[in-house]
Amino acid sequence: MSDNMDLTELGDANAPAPEPTGPRTARDLEAVYDIPVTVSAVLGKATMQVSQLLKLGRGAVVELDRKLGEAIDIYVNNRLVARGEVVMVDDNRLGVTMTEIVKSDQRP
């Protein structure tokens, strides 16, 4: 697993990528440290018709497209950046641990 991530992967897909000027240092990134990002962990997905959705009630189970123990997807600003596992942080909180950084050359 690599701790290095290209910050252009987290920004606006339509914005031009900055010109590389040499190795980046932590000081070069200080300007972006306070920018808030949205992190989402997706356990799985399901597709259903609206009529099926309307029939769901308390206690209904929606089957997802993942198997128990399979890695979950971790998104930053709606862009897949990693895969990981669900962990318990304390008695009633969940967290995720990253097990794989996803590098994508494709822009949506």
Protein backbone atom coordinates (compact mmCIF):
# COMPACT_ATOMS: atom_id res chain seq x y z
CA MET A 1 0.00 0.00 0.00
CA SER A 2 1.38 3.41 -0.93
CA ASP A 3 0.87 6.48 1.25
CA ASN A 4 1.49 8.80 -1.70
CA MET A 5 -1.51 10.05 -3.64
CA ASP A 6 -1.53 12.55 -6.51
CA LEU A 7 -3.66 15.46 -5.27
CA THR A 8 -4.94 16.14 -8.79
CA GLU A 9 -6.96 12.93 -8.35
CA LEU A 10 -8.94 14.61 -5.55
CA GLY A 11 -9.73 17.88 -7.32
CA ASP A 12 -12.03 18.98 -10.10
CA ALA A 13 -11.74 16.59 -13.05
CA ASN A 14 -12.09 19.51 -15.48
CA ALA A 15 -9.31 21.60 -13.96
CA PRO A 16 -5.95 21.43 -15.74
CA ALA A 17 -3.28 19.49 -13.93
CA PRO A 18 -0.43 21.61 -12.57
CA GLU A 19 2.87 21.49 -14.39
CA PRO A 20 5.39 19.34 -12.51
CA THR A 21 8.32 21.44 -11.26
CA GLY A 22 10.26 18.77 -9.42
CA PRO A 23 9.76 16.69 -6.29
CA ARG A 24 6.95 17.89 -4.04
CA THR A 25 7.53 18.36 -0.35
CA ALA A 26 5.12 18.52 2.58
CA ARG A 27 5.61 22.31 2.66
CA ASP A 28 4.37 22.54 -0.96
CA LEU A 29 1.07 21.01 0.15
CA GLU A 30 0.38 23.29 3.12
CA ALA A 31 -2.03 25.39 1.03
CA VAL A 32 -4.44 22.46 0.69
CA TYR A 33 -4.31 21.09 4.25
CA ASP A 34 -7.42 23.00 5.38
CA ILE A 35 -9.59 22.22 2.33
CA PRO A 36 -12.51 20.03 3.43
CA VAL A 37 -13.24 16.87 1.46
CA THR A 38 -16.07 14.35 1.71
CA VAL A 39 -15.01 10.78 2.43
CA SER A 40 -17.55 8.01 1.77
CA ALA A 41 -17.24 4.28 2.41
CA VAL A 42 -19.55 2.21 0.21
CA LEU A 43 -20.37 -1.25 1.53
CA GLY A 44 -22.06 -2.27 -1.71
CA LYS A 45 -24.75 -1.34 -4.19
CA ALA A 46 -28.15 -2.66 -5.19
CA THR A 47 -30.42 -1.95 -8.15
CA MET A 48 -34.18 -2.19 -7.83
CA GLN A 49 -37.34 -0.83 -9.32
CA VAL A 50 -39.17 2.04 -7.63
CA SER A 51 -42.08 -0.30 -6.91
CA GLN A 52 -39.72 -2.62 -5.00
CA LEU A 53 -38.24 0.34 -3.12
CA LEU A 54 -41.67 1.52 -2.04
CA LYS A 55 -42.47 -1.93 -0.62
CA LEU A 56 -39.48 -1.82 1.75
CA GLY A 57 -40.34 -1.37 5.39
CA ARG A 58 -38.72 -1.60 8.78
CA GLY A 59 -36.62 -4.75 9.01
CA ALA A 60 -36.40 -5.23 5.23
CA VAL A 61 -33.10 -6.56 3.94
CA VAL A 62 -31.59 -5.15 0.75
CA GLU A 63 -29.06 -7.53 -0.76
CA LEU A 64 -25.89 -5.78 -1.89
CA ASP A 65 -23.47 -6.75 -4.65
CA ARG A 66 -20.66 -7.61 -2.21
CA LYS A 67 -19.84 -10.68 -0.20
CA LEU A 68 -19.14 -10.70 3.52
CA GLY A 69 -15.48 -9.87 4.07
CA GLU A 70 -15.01 -8.36 0.60
CA ALA A 71 -13.25 -4.98 0.45
CA ILE A 72 -15.39 -1.84 0.50
CA ASP A 73 -14.87 1.16 -1.79
CA ILE A 74 -13.59 4.42 -0.29
CA TYR A 75 -14.42 7.61 -2.19
CA VAL A 76 -13.06 11.12 -1.71
CA ASN A 77 -15.27 13.78 -3.31
CA ASN A 78 -17.10 11.06 -5.27
CA ARG A 79 -13.89 9.66 -6.72
CA LEU A 80 -12.75 6.11 -5.90
CA VAL A 81 -9.37 6.41 -4.19
CA ALA A 82 -9.01 3.27 -2.08
CA ARG A 83 -10.43 -0.02 -0.91
CA GLY A 84 -10.57 -1.10 2.68
CA GLU A 85 -12.25 -2.92 5.53
CA VAL A 86 -14.81 -1.89 8.11
CA VAL A 87 -13.44 -1.73 11.66
CA MET A 88 -15.02 -0.97 15.03
CA VAL A 89 -13.56 2.22 16.52
CA ASP A 90 -15.26 1.96 19.91
CA ASP A 91 -18.40 0.33 21.28
CA ASN A 92 -20.79 2.06 18.88
CA ARG A 93 -18.72 3.66 16.10
CA LEU A 94 -17.50 2.26 12.80
CA GLY A 95 -14.44 3.24 10.80
CA VAL A 96 -12.56 2.07 7.76
CA THR A 97 -8.99 1.01 7.34
CA MET A 98 -7.44 1.41 3.89
CA THR A 99 -5.92 -1.74 2.50
CA GLU A 100 -5.30 -0.63 -1.09
CA ILE A 101 -4.84 2.74 -2.82
CA VAL A 102 -6.59 2.82 -6.21
CA LYS A 103 -4.77 4.67 -8.97
CA SER A 104 -6.94 5.66 -11.87
CA ASP A 105 -5.74 7.33 -15.05
CA GLN A 106 -9.32 7.71 -16.26
CA ARG A 107 -11.16 10.98 -15.71
CA PRO A 108 -14.96 10.80 -15.45
